[in-house]
Amino acid sequence: MPRINPLEKYSYLIGSTINKWTVLELSHDRRNCDAVCMCECGTIKNVNVYNLINNKTKDCGCGRKKMLR
């Protein structure tokens, strides 16, 4: 059975917004598939796609910073 390229499998995420993240592009290595995402506050970070899809990451930490003020 042929392996599915993770970039093709998750290509539907590009341009979508999940929680406070907007997916800009995808990248992967042998183990992980990451999404380059921009938070609503403007921070750009690599986010693991599994964590993104399963709501294990909500933002870059800006929500916590606001709560602590």
PDB file of N, CA and C in Angstrom:
ATOM      1  N   MET A   1       0.849  -1.177   0.000  1.00  0.00           N
ATOM      2  CA  MET A   1       0.000   0.000   0.000  1.00  0.00           C
ATOM      3  C   MET A   1       0.896   1.242   0.000  1.00  0.00           C
ATOM      4  N   PRO A   2       0.673   2.171  -0.915  1.00  0.00           N
ATOM      5  CA  PRO A   2       1.531   3.362  -0.991  1.00  0.00           C
ATOM      6  C   PRO A   2       1.289   4.311   0.181  1.00  0.00           C
ATOM      7  N   ARG A   3       2.370   4.948   0.603  1.00  0.00           N
ATOM      8  CA  ARG A   3       2.271   5.918   1.689  1.00  0.00           C
ATOM      9  C   ARG A   3       1.710   7.231   1.155  1.00  0.00           C
ATOM     10  N   ILE A   4       0.931   7.895   1.975  1.00  0.00           N
ATOM     11  CA  ILE A   4       0.351   9.178   1.603  1.00  0.00           C
ATOM     12  C   ILE A   4       1.305  10.279   2.032  1.00  0.00           C
ATOM     13  N   ASN A   5       1.594  11.180   1.131  1.00  0.00           N
ATOM     14  CA  ASN A   5       2.446  12.318   1.446  1.00  0.00           C
ATOM     15  C   ASN A   5       1.704  13.229   2.430  1.00  0.00           C
ATOM     16  N   PRO A   6       2.301  13.513   3.611  1.00  0.00           N
ATOM     17  CA  PRO A   6       1.613  14.346   4.601  1.00  0.00           C
ATOM     18  C   PRO A   6       1.263  15.736   4.084  1.00  0.00           C
ATOM     19  N   LEU A   7       2.066  16.266   3.174  1.00  0.00           N
ATOM     20  CA  LEU A   7       1.762  17.586   2.639  1.00  0.00           C
ATOM     21  C   LEU A   7       0.488  17.563   1.809  1.00  0.00           C
ATOM     22  N   GLU A   8       0.246  16.465   1.117  1.00  0.00           N
ATOM     23  CA  GLU A   8      -1.000  16.329   0.355  1.00  0.00           C
ATOM     24  C   GLU A   8      -2.176  16.038   1.282  1.00  0.00           C
ATOM     25  N   LYS A   9      -1.917  15.229   2.307  1.00  0.00           N
ATOM     26  CA  LYS A   9      -2.977  14.832   3.236  1.00  0.00           C
ATOM     27  C   LYS A   9      -3.563  16.031   3.981  1.00  0.00           C
ATOM     28  N   TYR A  10      -2.702  16.976   4.365  1.00  0.00           N
ATOM     29  CA  TYR A  10      -3.156  18.120   5.152  1.00  0.00           C
ATOM     30  C   TYR A  10      -3.202  19.426   4.360  1.00  0.00           C
ATOM     31  N   SER A  11      -3.148  19.350   3.051  1.00  0.00           N
ATOM     32  CA  SER A  11      -3.129  20.561   2.235  1.00  0.00           C
ATOM     33  C   SER A  11      -4.412  21.388   2.386  1.00  0.00           C
ATOM     34  N   TYR A  12      -5.499  20.755   2.803  1.00  0.00           N
ATOM     35  CA  TYR A  12      -6.753  21.484   2.998  1.00  0.00           C
ATOM     36  C   TYR A  12      -6.657  22.513   4.126  1.00  0.00           C
ATOM     37  N   LEU A  13      -5.649  22.392   4.989  1.00  0.00           N
ATOM     38  CA  LEU A  13      -5.500  23.314   6.117  1.00  0.00           C
ATOM     39  C   LEU A  13      -4.964  24.681   5.703  1.00  0.00           C
ATOM     40  N   ILE A  14      -4.251  24.742   4.584  1.00  0.00           N
ATOM     41  CA  ILE A  14      -3.615  25.997   4.173  1.00  0.00           C
ATOM     42  C   ILE A  14      -4.673  27.070   3.940  1.00  0.00           C
ATOM     43  N   GLY A  15      -4.507  28.188   4.623  1.00  0.00           N
ATOM     44  CA  GLY A  15      -5.445  29.299   4.515  1.00  0.00           C
ATOM     45  C   GLY A  15      -6.566  29.257   5.538  1.00  0.00           C
ATOM     46  N   SER A  16      -6.718  28.136   6.224  1.00  0.00           N
ATOM     47  CA  SER A  16      -7.811  28.041   7.198  1.00  0.00           C
ATOM     48  C   SER A  16      -7.374  28.584   8.561  1.00  0.00           C
ATOM     49  N   THR A  17      -8.345  28.934   9.375  1.00  0.00           N
ATOM     50  CA  THR A  17      -8.099  29.445  10.718  1.00  0.00           C
ATOM     51  C   THR A  17      -8.627  28.429  11.719  1.00  0.00           C
ATOM     52  N   ILE A  18      -7.755  28.021  12.632  1.00  0.00           N
ATOM     53  CA  ILE A  18      -8.115  27.075  13.686  1.00  0.00           C
ATOM     54  C   ILE A  18      -7.756  27.737  15.001  1.00  0.00           C
ATOM     55  N   ASN A  19      -8.751  27.920  15.861  1.00  0.00           N
ATOM     56  CA  ASN A  19      -8.597  28.691  17.089  1.00  0.00           C
ATOM     57  C   ASN A  19      -8.068  30.067  16.718  1.00  0.00           C
ATOM     58  N   LYS A  20      -6.896  30.462  17.191  1.00  0.00           N
ATOM     59  CA  LYS A  20      -6.347  31.775  16.823  1.00  0.00           C
ATOM     60  C   LYS A  20      -5.256  31.672  15.760  1.00  0.00           C
ATOM     61  N   TRP A  21      -5.001  30.463  15.257  1.00  0.00           N
ATOM     62  CA  TRP A  21      -3.954  30.235  14.262  1.00  0.00           C
ATOM     63  C   TRP A  21      -4.504  30.293  12.847  1.00  0.00           C
ATOM     64  N   THR A  22      -3.764  30.924  11.942  1.00  0.00           N
ATOM     65  CA  THR A  22      -4.039  30.870  10.511  1.00  0.00           C
ATOM     66  C   THR A  22      -2.883  30.124   9.862  1.00  0.00           C
ATOM     67  N   VAL A  23      -3.175  29.054   9.143  1.00  0.00           N
ATOM     68  CA  VAL A  23      -2.147  28.208   8.534  1.00  0.00           C
ATOM     69  C   VAL A  23      -1.646  28.869   7.257  1.00  0.00           C
ATOM     70  N   LEU A  24      -0.325  29.109   7.195  1.00  0.00           N
ATOM     71  CA  LEU A  24       0.286  29.743   6.029  1.00  0.00           C
ATOM     72  C   LEU A  24       0.863  28.722   5.061  1.00  0.00           C
ATOM     73  N   GLU A  25       1.564  27.706   5.583  1.00  0.00           N
ATOM     74  CA  GLU A  25       2.147  26.665   4.734  1.00  0.00           C
ATOM     75  C   GLU A  25       2.440  25.442   5.580  1.00  0.00           C
ATOM     76  N   LEU A  26       2.773  24.340   4.915  1.00  0.00           N
ATOM     77  CA  LEU A  26       3.085  23.090   5.595  1.00  0.00           C
ATOM     78  C   LEU A  26       4.516  22.677   5.315  1.00  0.00           C
ATOM     79  N   SER A  27       5.119  21.984   6.271  1.00  0.00           N
ATOM     80  CA  SER A  27       6.445  21.410   6.082  1.00  0.00           C
ATOM     81  C   SER A  27       6.496  20.108   6.861  1.00  0.00           C
ATOM     82  N   HIS A  28       7.384  19.207   6.458  1.00  0.00           N
ATOM     83  CA  HIS A  28       7.506  17.964   7.220  1.00  0.00           C
ATOM     84  C   HIS A  28       8.906  17.404   7.084  1.00  0.00           C
ATOM     85  N   ASP A  29       9.286  16.629   8.097  1.00  0.00           N
ATOM     86  CA  ASP A  29      10.524  15.872   8.040  1.00  0.00           C
ATOM     87  C   ASP A  29      10.139  14.401   8.172  1.00  0.00           C
ATOM     88  N   ARG A  30      11.038  13.569   8.569  1.00  0.00           N
ATOM     89  CA  ARG A  30      10.727  12.138   8.630  1.00  0.00           C
ATOM     90  C   ARG A  30       9.663  11.795   9.672  1.00  0.00           C
ATOM     91  N   ARG A  31       9.583  12.578  10.728  1.00  0.00           N
ATOM     92  CA  ARG A  31       8.695  12.216  11.833  1.00  0.00           C
ATOM     93  C   ARG A  31       7.452  13.080  11.940  1.00  0.00           C
ATOM     94  N   ASN A  32       7.589  14.355  11.740  1.00  0.00           N
ATOM     95  CA  ASN A  32       6.494  15.274  12.037  1.00  0.00           C
ATOM     96  C   ASN A  32       6.055  16.063  10.813  1.00  0.00           C
ATOM     97  N   CYS A  33       4.798  16.431  10.835  1.00  0.00           N
ATOM     98  CA  CYS A  33       4.274  17.367   9.852  1.00  0.00           C
ATOM     99  C   CYS A  33       3.924  18.632  10.617  1.00  0.00           C
ATOM    100  N   ASP A  34       4.539  19.736  10.247  1.00  0.00           N
ATOM    101  CA  ASP A  34       4.324  21.003  10.930  1.00  0.00           C
ATOM    102  C   ASP A  34       3.630  21.989  10.005  1.00  0.00           C
ATOM    103  N   ALA A  35       2.925  22.908  10.616  1.00  0.00           N
ATOM    104  CA  ALA A  35       2.284  23.990   9.885  1.00  0.00           C
ATOM    105  C   ALA A  35       2.926  25.294  10.330  1.00  0.00           C
ATOM    106  N   VAL A  36       3.293  26.119   9.376  1.00  0.00           N
ATOM    107  CA  VAL A  36       3.759  27.462   9.694  1.00  0.00           C
ATOM    108  C   VAL A  36       2.501  28.300   9.850  1.00  0.00           C
ATOM    109  N   CYS A  37       2.287  28.802  11.069  1.00  0.00           N
ATOM    110  CA  CYS A  37       1.035  29.481  11.391  1.00  0.00           C
ATOM    111  C   CYS A  37       1.299  30.890  11.902  1.00  0.00           C
ATOM    112  N   MET A  38       0.307  31.755  11.689  1.00  0.00           N
ATOM    113  CA  MET A  38       0.352  33.098  12.235  1.00  0.00           C
ATOM    114  C   MET A  38      -0.795  33.245  13.225  1.00  0.00           C
ATOM    115  N   CYS A  39      -0.439  33.685  14.432  1.00  0.00           N
ATOM    116  CA  CYS A  39      -1.441  33.912  15.470  1.00  0.00           C
ATOM    117  C   CYS A  39      -2.157  35.235  15.191  1.00  0.00           C
ATOM    118  N   GLU A  40      -3.298  35.429  15.827  1.00  0.00           N
ATOM    119  CA  GLU A  40      -4.042  36.685  15.663  1.00  0.00           C
ATOM    120  C   GLU A  40      -3.218  37.892  16.083  1.00  0.00           C
ATOM    121  N   CYS A  41      -2.281  37.698  17.032  1.00  0.00           N
ATOM    122  CA  CYS A  41      -1.462  38.818  17.512  1.00  0.00           C
ATOM    123  C   CYS A  41      -0.313  39.138  16.560  1.00  0.00           C
ATOM    124  N   GLY A  42      -0.076  38.277  15.535  1.00  0.00           N
ATOM    125  CA  GLY A  42       0.954  38.535  14.539  1.00  0.00           C
ATOM    126  C   GLY A  42       2.185  37.655  14.657  1.00  0.00           C
ATOM    127  N   THR A  43       2.282  36.839  15.696  1.00  0.00           N
ATOM    128  CA  THR A  43       3.417  35.950  15.893  1.00  0.00           C
ATOM    129  C   THR A  43       3.345  34.788  14.912  1.00  0.00           C
ATOM    130  N   ILE A  44       4.487  34.450  14.304  1.00  0.00           N
ATOM    131  CA  ILE A  44       4.562  33.327  13.371  1.00  0.00           C
ATOM    132  C   ILE A  44       5.372  32.215  14.022  1.00  0.00           C
ATOM    133  N   LYS A  45       4.793  31.001  14.059  1.00  0.00           N
ATOM    134  CA  LYS A  45       5.446  29.851  14.678  1.00  0.00           C
ATOM    135  C   LYS A  45       5.147  28.587  13.900  1.00  0.00           C
ATOM    136  N   ASN A  46       6.011  27.581  14.077  1.00  0.00           N
ATOM    137  CA  ASN A  46       5.731  26.246  13.568  1.00  0.00           C
ATOM    138  C   ASN A  46       4.895  25.513  14.598  1.00  0.00           C
ATOM    139  N   VAL A  47       3.798  24.921  14.150  1.00  0.00           N
ATOM    140  CA  VAL A  47       2.891  24.212  15.038  1.00  0.00           C
ATOM    141  C   VAL A  47       2.705  22.801  14.488  1.00  0.00           C
ATOM    142  N   ASN A  48       2.785  21.806  15.351  1.00  0.00           N
ATOM    143  CA  ASN A  48       2.564  20.435  14.950  1.00  0.00           C
ATOM    144  C   ASN A  48       1.128  20.281  14.464  1.00  0.00           C
ATOM    145  N   VAL A  49       0.940  19.672  13.296  1.00  0.00           N
ATOM    146  CA  VAL A  49      -0.388  19.553  12.692  1.00  0.00           C
ATOM    147  C   VAL A  49      -1.325  18.731  13.571  1.00  0.00           C
ATOM    148  N   TYR A  50      -0.806  17.662  14.176  1.00  0.00           N
ATOM    149  CA  TYR A  50      -1.640  16.845  15.057  1.00  0.00           C
ATOM    150  C   TYR A  50      -2.196  17.697  16.203  1.00  0.00           C
ATOM    151  N   ASN A  51      -1.337  18.492  16.824  1.00  0.00           N
ATOM    152  CA  ASN A  51      -1.782  19.355  17.921  1.00  0.00           C
ATOM    153  C   ASN A  51      -2.773  20.410  17.440  1.00  0.00           C
ATOM    154  N   LEU A  52      -2.568  20.900  16.240  1.00  0.00           N
ATOM    155  CA  LEU A  52      -3.453  21.918  15.677  1.00  0.00           C
ATOM    156  C   LEU A  52      -4.857  21.356  15.422  1.00  0.00           C
ATOM    157  N   ILE A  53      -4.917  20.200  14.797  1.00  0.00           N
ATOM    158  CA  ILE A  53      -6.199  19.585  14.449  1.00  0.00           C
ATOM    159  C   ILE A  53      -6.970  19.157  15.702  1.00  0.00           C
ATOM    160  N   ASN A  54      -6.264  18.673  16.712  1.00  0.00           N
ATOM    161  CA  ASN A  54      -6.909  18.153  17.919  1.00  0.00           C
ATOM    162  C   ASN A  54      -7.038  19.185  19.033  1.00  0.00           C
ATOM    163  N   ASN A  55      -6.915  20.465  18.680  1.00  0.00           N
ATOM    164  CA  ASN A  55      -7.112  21.585  19.614  1.00  0.00           C
ATOM    165  C   ASN A  55      -6.216  21.522  20.842  1.00  0.00           C
ATOM    166  N   LYS A  56      -4.998  21.013  20.686  1.00  0.00           N
ATOM    167  CA  LYS A  56      -4.057  20.988  21.794  1.00  0.00           C
ATOM    168  C   LYS A  56      -3.244  22.273  21.867  1.00  0.00           C
ATOM    169  N   THR A  57      -3.335  23.087  20.842  1.00  0.00           N
ATOM    170  CA  THR A  57      -2.729  24.411  20.854  1.00  0.00           C
ATOM    171  C   THR A  57      -3.787  25.416  20.411  1.00  0.00           C
ATOM    172  N   LYS A  58      -3.917  26.467  21.154  1.00  0.00           N
ATOM    173  CA  LYS A  58      -4.968  27.455  20.868  1.00  0.00           C
ATOM    174  C   LYS A  58      -4.387  28.766  20.336  1.00  0.00           C
ATOM    175  N   ASP A  59      -3.209  29.153  20.851  1.00  0.00           N
ATOM    176  CA  ASP A  59      -2.568  30.388  20.428  1.00  0.00           C
ATOM    177  C   ASP A  59      -1.079  30.313  20.769  1.00  0.00           C
ATOM    178  N   CYS A  60      -0.359  31.391  20.547  1.00  0.00           N
ATOM    179  CA  CYS A  60       1.083  31.409  20.772  1.00  0.00           C
ATOM    180  C   CYS A  60       1.459  31.665  22.229  1.00  0.00           C
ATOM    181  N   GLY A  61       0.479  31.887  23.061  1.00  0.00           N
ATOM    182  CA  GLY A  61       0.727  32.250  24.455  1.00  0.00           C
ATOM    183  C   GLY A  61       0.210  33.643  24.748  1.00  0.00           C
ATOM    184  N   CYS A  62      -0.284  34.306  23.741  1.00  0.00           N
ATOM    185  CA  CYS A  62      -0.778  35.678  23.934  1.00  0.00           C
ATOM    186  C   CYS A  62      -2.027  35.696  24.815  1.00  0.00           C
ATOM    187  N   GLY A  63      -2.825  34.626  24.781  1.00  0.00           N
ATOM    188  CA  GLY A  63      -4.013  34.543  25.631  1.00  0.00           C
ATOM    189  C   GLY A  63      -3.643  34.465  27.089  1.00  0.00           C
ATOM    190  N   ARG A  64      -2.601  33.725  27.385  1.00  0.00           N
ATOM    191  CA  ARG A  64      -2.136  33.615  28.771  1.00  0.00           C
ATOM    192  C   ARG A  64      -1.558  34.936  29.262  1.00  0.00           C
ATOM    193  N   LYS A  65      -0.851  35.614  28.377  1.00  0.00           N
ATOM    194  CA  LYS A  65      -0.267  36.914  28.755  1.00  0.00           C
ATOM    195  C   LYS A  65      -1.363  37.917  29.114  1.00  0.00           C
ATOM    196  N   LYS A  66      -2.477  37.887  28.345  1.00  0.00           N
ATOM    197  CA  LYS A  66      -3.585  38.795  28.613  1.00  0.00           C
ATOM    198  C   LYS A  66      -4.260  38.470  29.948  1.00  0.00           C
ATOM    199  N   MET A  67      -4.353  37.169  30.258  1.00  0.00           N
ATOM    200  CA  MET A  67      -4.999  36.766  31.504  1.00  0.00           C
ATOM    201  C   MET A  67      -4.177  37.172  32.724  1.00  0.00           C
ATOM    202  N   LEU A  68      -2.855  37.195  32.584  1.00  0.00           N
ATOM    203  CA  LEU A  68      -1.990  37.520  33.709  1.00  0.00           C
ATOM    204  C   LEU A  68      -1.912  39.009  33.995  1.00  0.00           C
ATOM    205  N   ARG A  69      -2.370  39.816  33.076  1.00  0.00           N
ATOM    206  CA  ARG A  69      -2.318  41.274  33.285  1.00  0.00           C
ATOM    207  C   ARG A  69      -3.318  41.730  34.278  1.00  0.00           C
TER     208      ARG A  69
END
